Every structure is written in C-alpha cells, then in structure tokens.
Amino acid sequence: MADYRLEQVADYFCTVELAAVKSAAGENGGTYDKFFGGARAFKKSWLKQSRRKMV
C-alpha cells in the first residue's frame, strides 16, 4: 500500500511540473485551464504548494 501511495504522489508532482512546462511554452490547453484555473491561479496555488512540498 505504501508503494501505491508513493506512486500517486510522484504522479501528482509530475503532472504539476508538466503543466508548468506547458504553461511556460504557451501550449497549455483548455483542460489545464479548466482544472488548474488559469496561469496566474496555477502559479500562485498549485505550483507554489507542490514545489514547497517537494523533497
């Protein structure tokens, strides 16, 4: 069970970082905007929180 949870956390961090790369390149689609709430909201909440929690 611990391995599964670790895989979920790794997937979360990879998804947020991929969204950051796509946002910087201007390639984020409507799905990212709907889920994360736009570029500014994404940087202020999702990206900031995930980078703070990374080891």
N, C-alpha and C. Protein backbone atom coordinates (compact mmCIF):
# COMPACT_ATOMS: atom_id res chain seq x y z
N MET A 1 0.81 -1.19 0.00
CA MET A 1 0.00 0.00 0.00
C MET A 1 0.86 1.26 0.00
N ALA A 2 1.99 1.20 0.70
CA ALA A 2 2.87 2.38 0.76
C ALA A 2 3.46 2.68 -0.61
N ASP A 3 3.78 1.63 -1.39
CA ASP A 3 4.33 1.85 -2.73
C ASP A 3 3.30 2.51 -3.63
N TYR A 4 2.05 2.10 -3.51
CA TYR A 4 0.99 2.68 -4.32
C TYR A 4 0.81 4.16 -4.00
N ARG A 5 0.84 4.50 -2.73
CA ARG A 5 0.68 5.89 -2.33
C ARG A 5 1.87 6.72 -2.82
N LEU A 6 3.06 6.17 -2.76
CA LEU A 6 4.25 6.87 -3.26
C LEU A 6 4.14 7.11 -4.76
N GLU A 7 3.60 6.15 -5.49
CA GLU A 7 3.40 6.33 -6.92
C GLU A 7 2.37 7.43 -7.21
N GLN A 8 1.34 7.52 -6.41
CA GLN A 8 0.34 8.57 -6.59
C GLN A 8 0.94 9.96 -6.35
N VAL A 9 1.77 10.08 -5.33
CA VAL A 9 2.41 11.36 -5.04
C VAL A 9 3.36 11.74 -6.16
N ALA A 10 4.13 10.79 -6.64
CA ALA A 10 5.05 11.06 -7.74
C ALA A 10 4.29 11.48 -9.00
N ASP A 11 3.17 10.84 -9.25
CA ASP A 11 2.35 11.19 -10.41
C ASP A 11 1.79 12.61 -10.27
N TYR A 12 1.38 12.98 -9.07
CA TYR A 12 0.87 14.33 -8.81
C TYR A 12 1.95 15.38 -9.10
N PHE A 13 3.15 15.17 -8.57
CA PHE A 13 4.23 16.13 -8.79
C PHE A 13 4.61 16.22 -10.26
N CYS A 14 4.64 15.09 -10.95
CA CYS A 14 4.96 15.10 -12.37
C CYS A 14 3.89 15.83 -13.18
N THR A 15 2.64 15.65 -12.82
CA THR A 15 1.55 16.32 -13.52
C THR A 15 1.64 17.83 -13.34
N VAL A 16 1.92 18.27 -12.13
CA VAL A 16 2.02 19.71 -11.87
C VAL A 16 3.22 20.29 -12.60
N GLU A 17 4.35 19.60 -12.59
CA GLU A 17 5.53 20.10 -13.30
C GLU A 17 5.32 20.10 -14.82
N LEU A 18 4.64 19.10 -15.35
CA LEU A 18 4.34 19.08 -16.78
C LEU A 18 3.43 20.24 -17.15
N ALA A 19 2.46 20.53 -16.30
CA ALA A 19 1.58 21.68 -16.54
C ALA A 19 2.37 22.98 -16.51
N ALA A 20 3.38 23.07 -15.64
CA ALA A 20 4.21 24.28 -15.56
C ALA A 20 5.03 24.45 -16.84
N VAL A 21 5.57 23.36 -17.36
CA VAL A 21 6.36 23.41 -18.59
C VAL A 21 5.47 23.81 -19.77
N LYS A 22 4.29 23.21 -19.84
CA LYS A 22 3.37 23.55 -20.93
C LYS A 22 2.89 24.99 -20.82
N SER A 23 2.68 25.45 -19.61
CA SER A 23 2.24 26.83 -19.41
C SER A 23 3.33 27.81 -19.84
N ALA A 24 4.57 27.50 -19.51
CA ALA A 24 5.69 28.37 -19.89
C ALA A 24 5.88 28.42 -21.40
N ALA A 25 5.59 27.31 -22.07
CA ALA A 25 5.74 27.24 -23.52
C ALA A 25 4.50 27.76 -24.25
N GLY A 26 3.45 28.05 -23.51
CA GLY A 26 2.22 28.53 -24.12
C GLY A 26 1.41 27.44 -24.80
N GLU A 27 1.62 26.20 -24.39
CA GLU A 27 0.94 25.07 -25.02
C GLU A 27 -0.13 24.44 -24.14
N ASN A 28 -0.46 25.10 -23.04
CA ASN A 28 -1.48 24.50 -22.18
C ASN A 28 -2.84 24.64 -22.85
N GLY A 29 -3.58 23.58 -22.81
CA GLY A 29 -4.87 23.58 -23.48
C GLY A 29 -5.99 23.97 -22.54
N GLY A 30 -7.19 23.84 -23.01
CA GLY A 30 -8.36 24.18 -22.22
C GLY A 30 -8.55 23.29 -21.01
N THR A 31 -8.09 22.05 -21.09
CA THR A 31 -8.23 21.14 -19.97
C THR A 31 -7.42 21.62 -18.77
N TYR A 32 -6.20 22.06 -19.02
CA TYR A 32 -5.37 22.57 -17.93
C TYR A 32 -5.99 23.83 -17.33
N ASP A 33 -6.50 24.70 -18.17
CA ASP A 33 -7.12 25.92 -17.68
C ASP A 33 -8.36 25.63 -16.84
N LYS A 34 -9.14 24.66 -17.27
CA LYS A 34 -10.34 24.31 -16.51
C LYS A 34 -10.00 23.66 -15.18
N PHE A 35 -9.00 22.81 -15.18
CA PHE A 35 -8.66 22.10 -13.95
C PHE A 35 -7.89 22.99 -12.98
N PHE A 36 -6.86 23.68 -13.48
CA PHE A 36 -5.99 24.47 -12.61
C PHE A 36 -6.47 25.91 -12.44
N GLY A 37 -7.33 26.40 -13.30
CA GLY A 37 -7.90 27.72 -13.13
C GLY A 37 -7.10 28.86 -13.72
N GLY A 38 -6.44 28.67 -14.82
CA GLY A 38 -5.70 29.75 -15.46
C GLY A 38 -4.25 29.79 -14.99
N ALA A 39 -3.42 30.53 -15.73
CA ALA A 39 -1.98 30.55 -15.48
C ALA A 39 -1.63 31.20 -14.14
N ARG A 40 -2.27 32.31 -13.83
CA ARG A 40 -1.93 33.02 -12.59
C ARG A 40 -2.35 32.20 -11.36
N ALA A 41 -3.55 31.67 -11.39
CA ALA A 41 -4.03 30.86 -10.27
C ALA A 41 -3.19 29.59 -10.12
N PHE A 42 -2.79 29.02 -11.25
CA PHE A 42 -1.96 27.82 -11.22
C PHE A 42 -0.62 28.09 -10.53
N LYS A 43 0.02 29.19 -10.90
CA LYS A 43 1.33 29.52 -10.31
C LYS A 43 1.22 29.87 -8.84
N LYS A 44 0.15 30.58 -8.46
CA LYS A 44 0.01 31.01 -7.08
C LYS A 44 -0.38 29.87 -6.14
N SER A 45 -1.13 28.91 -6.62
CA SER A 45 -1.60 27.88 -5.70
C SER A 45 -0.96 26.52 -5.98
N TRP A 46 -1.25 25.91 -7.11
CA TRP A 46 -0.81 24.55 -7.38
C TRP A 46 0.70 24.42 -7.44
N LEU A 47 1.34 25.25 -8.25
CA LEU A 47 2.78 25.13 -8.45
C LEU A 47 3.54 25.51 -7.19
N LYS A 48 3.13 26.58 -6.55
CA LYS A 48 3.80 27.05 -5.33
C LYS A 48 3.72 25.99 -4.22
N GLN A 49 2.54 25.41 -4.04
CA GLN A 49 2.37 24.41 -2.99
C GLN A 49 3.14 23.13 -3.29
N SER A 50 3.12 22.70 -4.53
CA SER A 50 3.81 21.44 -4.85
C SER A 50 5.32 21.60 -4.76
N ARG A 51 5.86 22.72 -5.17
CA ARG A 51 7.30 22.93 -5.07
C ARG A 51 7.76 23.08 -3.62
N ARG A 52 6.89 23.61 -2.78
CA ARG A 52 7.21 23.75 -1.36
C ARG A 52 7.26 22.37 -0.68
N LYS A 53 6.44 21.43 -1.16
CA LYS A 53 6.36 20.11 -0.53
C LYS A 53 7.35 19.10 -1.09
N MET A 54 8.01 19.44 -2.20
CA MET A 54 8.96 18.51 -2.79
C MET A 54 10.19 18.36 -1.90
N VAL A 55 10.76 17.20 -1.94
CA VAL A 55 11.96 16.92 -1.14
C VAL A 55 13.20 17.27 -1.92
